[in-house]
Amino acid sequence: MEMPLVPAFYDVVWSIAVLLVLPLTVVALMRWRSQDRPTRAALLWVLVILLLPGLGAAVFLAVSSRGRTAG
């Protein structure tokens, strides 16, 4: 018996994924904006962040934080 008020499992999973990926992407874009990079590198990073949601943002944050601590 289908219950119309209870969302399907995949709806819950996608909702959680969006709630995790969206803030991660926003934080990555905010950090990207605050960095001084050459134009080509900056454009490449913003494309990676936007075209690979979640993964691109996580890679950017990992690389940018590693470069910041090396300082």
PDB file of N, CA and C in Angstrom:
ATOM      1  N   MET A   1       0.839  -1.172   0.000  1.00  0.00           N
ATOM      2  CA  MET A   1       0.000   0.000   0.000  1.00  0.00           C
ATOM      3  C   MET A   1       0.890   1.244   0.000  1.00  0.00           C
ATOM      4  N   GLU A   2       0.640   2.116  -0.927  1.00  0.00           N
ATOM      5  CA  GLU A   2       1.426   3.334  -1.048  1.00  0.00           C
ATOM      6  C   GLU A   2       0.854   4.430  -0.166  1.00  0.00           C
ATOM      7  N   MET A   3       1.748   5.132   0.544  1.00  0.00           N
ATOM      8  CA  MET A   3       1.301   6.206   1.434  1.00  0.00           C
ATOM      9  C   MET A   3       1.722   7.539   0.815  1.00  0.00           C
ATOM     10  N   PRO A   4       0.782   8.356   0.389  1.00  0.00           N
ATOM     11  CA  PRO A   4       1.127   9.580  -0.348  1.00  0.00           C
ATOM     12  C   PRO A   4       1.810  10.653   0.506  1.00  0.00           C
ATOM     13  N   LEU A   5       1.675  10.619   1.813  1.00  0.00           N
ATOM     14  CA  LEU A   5       2.267  11.656   2.646  1.00  0.00           C
ATOM     15  C   LEU A   5       3.697  11.326   3.076  1.00  0.00           C
ATOM     16  N   VAL A   6       4.123  10.099   2.864  1.00  0.00           N
ATOM     17  CA  VAL A   6       5.479   9.693   3.219  1.00  0.00           C
ATOM     18  C   VAL A   6       6.295   9.639   1.933  1.00  0.00           C
ATOM     19  N   PRO A   7       7.367  10.430   1.850  1.00  0.00           N
ATOM     20  CA  PRO A   7       8.153  10.423   0.606  1.00  0.00           C
ATOM     21  C   PRO A   7       8.878   9.093   0.408  1.00  0.00           C
ATOM     22  N   ALA A   8       9.121   8.787  -0.836  1.00  0.00           N
ATOM     23  CA  ALA A   8       9.863   7.574  -1.164  1.00  0.00           C
ATOM     24  C   ALA A   8      11.306   7.724  -0.678  1.00  0.00           C
ATOM     25  N   PHE A   9      11.958   6.609  -0.493  1.00  0.00           N
ATOM     26  CA  PHE A   9      13.330   6.598   0.028  1.00  0.00           C
ATOM     27  C   PHE A   9      14.271   7.449  -0.824  1.00  0.00           C
ATOM     28  N   TYR A  10      14.164   7.348  -2.146  1.00  0.00           N
ATOM     29  CA  TYR A  10      15.063   8.099  -3.012  1.00  0.00           C
ATOM     30  C   TYR A  10      14.812   9.596  -2.913  1.00  0.00           C
ATOM     31  N   ASP A  11      13.584  10.017  -2.619  1.00  0.00           N
ATOM     32  CA  ASP A  11      13.325  11.440  -2.404  1.00  0.00           C
ATOM     33  C   ASP A  11      14.060  11.950  -1.174  1.00  0.00           C
ATOM     34  N   VAL A  12      14.092  11.154  -0.139  1.00  0.00           N
ATOM     35  CA  VAL A  12      14.797  11.537   1.083  1.00  0.00           C
ATOM     36  C   VAL A  12      16.302  11.598   0.824  1.00  0.00           C
ATOM     37  N   VAL A  13      16.826  10.620   0.109  1.00  0.00           N
ATOM     38  CA  VAL A  13      18.258  10.577  -0.185  1.00  0.00           C
ATOM     39  C   VAL A  13      18.667  11.787  -1.026  1.00  0.00           C
ATOM     40  N   TRP A  14      17.908  12.115  -2.063  1.00  0.00           N
ATOM     41  CA  TRP A  14      18.243  13.267  -2.904  1.00  0.00           C
ATOM     42  C   TRP A  14      18.133  14.566  -2.121  1.00  0.00           C
ATOM     43  N   SER A  15      17.167  14.662  -1.246  1.00  0.00           N
ATOM     44  CA  SER A  15      17.026  15.871  -0.427  1.00  0.00           C
ATOM     45  C   SER A  15      18.231  16.049   0.491  1.00  0.00           C
ATOM     46  N   ILE A  16      18.688  14.987   1.101  1.00  0.00           N
ATOM     47  CA  ILE A  16      19.864  15.054   1.970  1.00  0.00           C
ATOM     48  C   ILE A  16      21.104  15.408   1.147  1.00  0.00           C
ATOM     49  N   ALA A  17      21.228  14.831  -0.031  1.00  0.00           N
ATOM     50  CA  ALA A  17      22.376  15.128  -0.893  1.00  0.00           C
ATOM     51  C   ALA A  17      22.403  16.606  -1.264  1.00  0.00           C
ATOM     52  N   VAL A  18      21.265  17.162  -1.609  1.00  0.00           N
ATOM     53  CA  VAL A  18      21.201  18.580  -1.966  1.00  0.00           C
ATOM     54  C   VAL A  18      21.542  19.444  -0.757  1.00  0.00           C
ATOM     55  N   LEU A  19      21.051  19.073   0.415  1.00  0.00           N
ATOM     56  CA  LEU A  19      21.324  19.852   1.621  1.00  0.00           C
ATOM     57  C   LEU A  19      22.796  19.788   2.026  1.00  0.00           C
ATOM     58  N   LEU A  20      23.514  18.775   1.591  1.00  0.00           N
ATOM     59  CA  LEU A  20      24.948  18.681   1.872  1.00  0.00           C
ATOM     60  C   LEU A  20      25.789  19.364   0.795  1.00  0.00           C
ATOM     61  N   VAL A  21      25.413  19.193  -0.463  1.00  0.00           N
ATOM     62  CA  VAL A  21      26.206  19.702  -1.573  1.00  0.00           C
ATOM     63  C   VAL A  21      26.050  21.214  -1.742  1.00  0.00           C
ATOM     64  N   LEU A  22      24.870  21.728  -1.566  1.00  0.00           N
ATOM     65  CA  LEU A  22      24.636  23.152  -1.790  1.00  0.00           C
ATOM     66  C   LEU A  22      25.472  24.041  -0.865  1.00  0.00           C
ATOM     67  N   PRO A  23      25.468  23.827   0.444  1.00  0.00           N
ATOM     68  CA  PRO A  23      26.330  24.667   1.295  1.00  0.00           C
ATOM     69  C   PRO A  23      27.822  24.478   1.005  1.00  0.00           C
ATOM     70  N   LEU A  24      28.219  23.271   0.676  1.00  0.00           N
ATOM     71  CA  LEU A  24      29.620  23.010   0.343  1.00  0.00           C
ATOM     72  C   LEU A  24      30.030  23.820  -0.885  1.00  0.00           C
ATOM     73  N   THR A  25      29.166  23.858  -1.883  1.00  0.00           N
ATOM     74  CA  THR A  25      29.443  24.624  -3.098  1.00  0.00           C
ATOM     75  C   THR A  25      29.484  26.122  -2.809  1.00  0.00           C
ATOM     76  N   VAL A  26      28.565  26.598  -1.991  1.00  0.00           N
ATOM     77  CA  VAL A  26      28.543  28.026  -1.642  1.00  0.00           C
ATOM     78  C   VAL A  26      29.823  28.415  -0.903  1.00  0.00           C
ATOM     79  N   VAL A  27      30.251  27.601   0.042  1.00  0.00           N
ATOM     80  CA  VAL A  27      31.483  27.889   0.788  1.00  0.00           C
ATOM     81  C   VAL A  27      32.686  27.877  -0.162  1.00  0.00           C
ATOM     82  N   ALA A  28      32.736  26.924  -1.070  1.00  0.00           N
ATOM     83  CA  ALA A  28      33.849  26.852  -2.022  1.00  0.00           C
ATOM     84  C   ALA A  28      33.867  28.087  -2.922  1.00  0.00           C
ATOM     85  N   LEU A  29      32.701  28.520  -3.384  1.00  0.00           N
ATOM     86  CA  LEU A  29      32.656  29.709  -4.234  1.00  0.00           C
ATOM     87  C   LEU A  29      33.046  30.968  -3.464  1.00  0.00           C
ATOM     88  N   MET A  30      32.669  31.049  -2.197  1.00  0.00           N
ATOM     89  CA  MET A  30      33.062  32.202  -1.380  1.00  0.00           C
ATOM     90  C   MET A  30      34.575  32.217  -1.167  1.00  0.00           C
ATOM     91  N   ARG A  31      35.163  31.056  -0.911  1.00  0.00           N
ATOM     92  CA  ARG A  31      36.614  30.985  -0.722  1.00  0.00           C
ATOM     93  C   ARG A  31      37.332  31.248  -2.043  1.00  0.00           C
ATOM     94  N   TRP A  32      36.762  30.752  -3.159  1.00  0.00           N
ATOM     95  CA  TRP A  32      37.353  30.995  -4.478  1.00  0.00           C
ATOM     96  C   TRP A  32      37.386  32.485  -4.768  1.00  0.00           C
ATOM     97  N   ARG A  33      36.318  33.167  -4.439  1.00  0.00           N
ATOM     98  CA  ARG A  33      36.220  34.609  -4.701  1.00  0.00           C
ATOM     99  C   ARG A  33      37.245  35.403  -3.892  1.00  0.00           C
ATOM    100  N   SER A  34      37.583  34.926  -2.713  1.00  0.00           N
ATOM    101  CA  SER A  34      38.495  35.675  -1.854  1.00  0.00           C
ATOM    102  C   SER A  34      39.967  35.425  -2.170  1.00  0.00           C
ATOM    103  N   GLN A  35      40.273  34.484  -3.046  1.00  0.00           N
ATOM    104  CA  GLN A  35      41.667  34.171  -3.360  1.00  0.00           C
ATOM    105  C   GLN A  35      42.150  34.947  -4.574  1.00  0.00           C
ATOM    106  N   ASP A  36      43.439  35.214  -4.571  1.00  0.00           N
ATOM    107  CA  ASP A  36      44.074  35.851  -5.725  1.00  0.00           C
ATOM    108  C   ASP A  36      44.766  34.772  -6.544  1.00  0.00           C
ATOM    109  N   ARG A  37      44.210  34.502  -7.702  1.00  0.00           N
ATOM    110  CA  ARG A  37      44.778  33.509  -8.611  1.00  0.00           C
ATOM    111  C   ARG A  37      44.863  34.126 -10.000  1.00  0.00           C
ATOM    112  N   PRO A  38      45.746  33.628 -10.831  1.00  0.00           N
ATOM    113  CA  PRO A  38      45.752  34.076 -12.228  1.00  0.00           C
ATOM    114  C   PRO A  38      44.393  33.777 -12.879  1.00  0.00           C
ATOM    115  N   THR A  39      44.042  34.545 -13.873  1.00  0.00           N
ATOM    116  CA  THR A  39      42.716  34.461 -14.483  1.00  0.00           C
ATOM    117  C   THR A  39      42.388  33.064 -14.998  1.00  0.00           C
ATOM    118  N   ARG A  40      43.318  32.430 -15.665  1.00  0.00           N
ATOM    119  CA  ARG A  40      43.061  31.106 -16.234  1.00  0.00           C
ATOM    120  C   ARG A  40      42.820  30.076 -15.130  1.00  0.00           C
ATOM    121  N   ALA A  41      43.630  30.115 -14.084  1.00  0.00           N
ATOM    122  CA  ALA A  41      43.460  29.179 -12.973  1.00  0.00           C
ATOM    123  C   ALA A  41      42.142  29.434 -12.241  1.00  0.00           C
ATOM    124  N   ALA A  42      41.782  30.704 -12.063  1.00  0.00           N
ATOM    125  CA  ALA A  42      40.531  31.044 -11.393  1.00  0.00           C
ATOM    126  C   ALA A  42      39.335  30.542 -12.195  1.00  0.00           C
ATOM    127  N   LEU A  43      39.373  30.719 -13.501  1.00  0.00           N
ATOM    128  CA  LEU A  43      38.284  30.246 -14.349  1.00  0.00           C
ATOM    129  C   LEU A  43      38.186  28.727 -14.323  1.00  0.00           C
ATOM    130  N   LEU A  44      39.320  28.061 -14.358  1.00  0.00           N
ATOM    131  CA  LEU A  44      39.325  26.600 -14.303  1.00  0.00           C
ATOM    132  C   LEU A  44      38.715  26.106 -12.989  1.00  0.00           C
ATOM    133  N   TRP A  45      39.086  26.739 -11.872  1.00  0.00           N
ATOM    134  CA  TRP A  45      38.551  26.312 -10.583  1.00  0.00           C
ATOM    135  C   TRP A  45      37.050  26.543 -10.481  1.00  0.00           C
ATOM    136  N   VAL A  46      36.571  27.671 -10.965  1.00  0.00           N
ATOM    137  CA  VAL A  46      35.129  27.909 -10.866  1.00  0.00           C
ATOM    138  C   VAL A  46      34.360  26.920 -11.746  1.00  0.00           C
ATOM    139  N   LEU A  47      34.922  26.542 -12.871  1.00  0.00           N
ATOM    140  CA  LEU A  47      34.277  25.526 -13.707  1.00  0.00           C
ATOM    141  C   LEU A  47      34.260  24.166 -13.015  1.00  0.00           C
ATOM    142  N   VAL A  48      35.357  23.817 -12.362  1.00  0.00           N
ATOM    143  CA  VAL A  48      35.409  22.546 -11.629  1.00  0.00           C
ATOM    144  C   VAL A  48      34.376  22.537 -10.510  1.00  0.00           C
ATOM    145  N   ILE A  49      34.284  23.642  -9.776  1.00  0.00           N
ATOM    146  CA  ILE A  49      33.339  23.726  -8.661  1.00  0.00           C
ATOM    147  C   ILE A  49      31.904  23.607  -9.156  1.00  0.00           C
ATOM    148  N   LEU A  50      31.584  24.278 -10.250  1.00  0.00           N
ATOM    149  CA  LEU A  50      30.194  24.300 -10.725  1.00  0.00           C
ATOM    150  C   LEU A  50      29.809  23.061 -11.538  1.00  0.00           C
ATOM    151  N   LEU A  51      30.750  22.506 -12.292  1.00  0.00           N
ATOM    152  CA  LEU A  51      30.412  21.371 -13.157  1.00  0.00           C
ATOM    153  C   LEU A  51      30.485  20.017 -12.454  1.00  0.00           C
ATOM    154  N   LEU A  52      31.212  19.963 -11.344  1.00  0.00           N
ATOM    155  CA  LEU A  52      31.296  18.727 -10.566  1.00  0.00           C
ATOM    156  C   LEU A  52      30.755  19.007  -9.161  1.00  0.00           C
ATOM    157  N   PRO A  53      29.446  19.108  -9.032  1.00  0.00           N
ATOM    158  CA  PRO A  53      28.885  19.506  -7.744  1.00  0.00           C
ATOM    159  C   PRO A  53      29.304  18.549  -6.631  1.00  0.00           C
ATOM    160  N   GLY A  54      29.659  19.107  -5.522  1.00  0.00           N
ATOM    161  CA  GLY A  54      30.091  18.297  -4.385  1.00  0.00           C
ATOM    162  C   GLY A  54      31.543  17.911  -4.503  1.00  0.00           C
ATOM    163  N   LEU A  55      31.877  17.126  -5.485  1.00  0.00           N
ATOM    164  CA  LEU A  55      33.251  16.655  -5.672  1.00  0.00           C
ATOM    165  C   LEU A  55      34.184  17.809  -6.005  1.00  0.00           C
ATOM    166  N   GLY A  56      33.780  18.657  -6.943  1.00  0.00           N
ATOM    167  CA  GLY A  56      34.613  19.797  -7.318  1.00  0.00           C
ATOM    168  C   GLY A  56      34.826  20.748  -6.156  1.00  0.00           C
ATOM    169  N   ALA A  57      33.763  21.005  -5.394  1.00  0.00           N
ATOM    170  CA  ALA A  57      33.873  21.894  -4.231  1.00  0.00           C
ATOM    171  C   ALA A  57      34.775  21.276  -3.169  1.00  0.00           C
ATOM    172  N   ALA A  58      34.633  19.987  -2.930  1.00  0.00           N
ATOM    173  CA  ALA A  58      35.455  19.323  -1.920  1.00  0.00           C
ATOM    174  C   ALA A  58      36.922  19.327  -2.317  1.00  0.00           C
ATOM    175  N   VAL A  59      37.212  19.079  -3.585  1.00  0.00           N
ATOM    176  CA  VAL A  59      38.604  19.092  -4.057  1.00  0.00           C
ATOM    177  C   VAL A  59      39.175  20.501  -3.933  1.00  0.00           C
ATOM    178  N   PHE A  60      38.406  21.497  -4.338  1.00  0.00           N
ATOM    179  CA  PHE A  60      38.893  22.873  -4.232  1.00  0.00           C
ATOM    180  C   PHE A  60      39.179  23.248  -2.785  1.00  0.00           C
ATOM    181  N   LEU A  61      38.272  22.925  -1.881  1.00  0.00           N
ATOM    182  CA  LEU A  61      38.480  23.264  -0.476  1.00  0.00           C
ATOM    183  C   LEU A  61      39.694  22.529   0.102  1.00  0.00           C
ATOM    184  N   ALA A  62      39.891  21.281  -0.299  1.00  0.00           N
ATOM    185  CA  ALA A  62      41.044  20.523   0.191  1.00  0.00           C
ATOM    186  C   ALA A  62      42.349  21.121  -0.339  1.00  0.00           C
ATOM    187  N   VAL A  63      42.379  21.458  -1.611  1.00  0.00           N
ATOM    188  CA  VAL A  63      43.591  22.030  -2.202  1.00  0.00           C
ATOM    189  C   VAL A  63      43.854  23.419  -1.657  1.00  0.00           C
ATOM    190  N   SER A  64      42.823  24.226  -1.519  1.00  0.00           N
ATOM    191  CA  SER A  64      43.034  25.598  -1.052  1.00  0.00           C
ATOM    192  C   SER A  64      43.421  25.641   0.417  1.00  0.00           C
ATOM    193  N   SER A  65      42.890  24.741   1.223  1.00  0.00           N
ATOM    194  CA  SER A  65      43.266  24.740   2.639  1.00  0.00           C
ATOM    195  C   SER A  65      44.683  24.178   2.822  1.00  0.00           C
ATOM    196  N   ARG A  66      45.089  23.251   1.964  1.00  0.00           N
ATOM    197  CA  ARG A  66      46.449  22.707   2.031  1.00  0.00           C
ATOM    198  C   ARG A  66      47.456  23.796   1.659  1.00  0.00           C
ATOM    199  N   GLY A  67      47.122  24.591   0.656  1.00  0.00           N
ATOM    200  CA  GLY A  67      48.017  25.688   0.256  1.00  0.00           C
ATOM    201  C   GLY A  67      48.074  26.774   1.315  1.00  0.00           C
ATOM    202  N   ARG A  68      47.000  26.970   2.028  1.00  0.00           N
ATOM    203  CA  ARG A  68      46.954  28.002   3.057  1.00  0.00           C
ATOM    204  C   ARG A  68      47.817  27.634   4.253  1.00  0.00           C
ATOM    205  N   THR A  69      47.856  26.344   4.628  1.00  0.00           N
ATOM    206  CA  THR A  69      48.643  25.932   5.791  1.00  0.00           C
ATOM    207  C   THR A  69      50.130  25.831   5.469  1.00  0.00           C
ATOM    208  N   ALA A  70      50.470  25.715   4.192  1.00  0.00           N
ATOM    209  CA  ALA A  70      51.876  25.600   3.818  1.00  0.00           C
ATOM    210  C   ALA A  70      52.614  26.921   3.968  1.00  0.00           C
ATOM    211  N   GLY A  71      51.866  28.006   4.003  1.00  0.00           N
ATOM    212  CA  GLY A  71      52.290  29.287   3.984  1.00  0.00           C
ATOM    213  C   GLY A  71      53.285  30.056   4.456  1.00  0.00           C
TER     214      GLY A  71
END
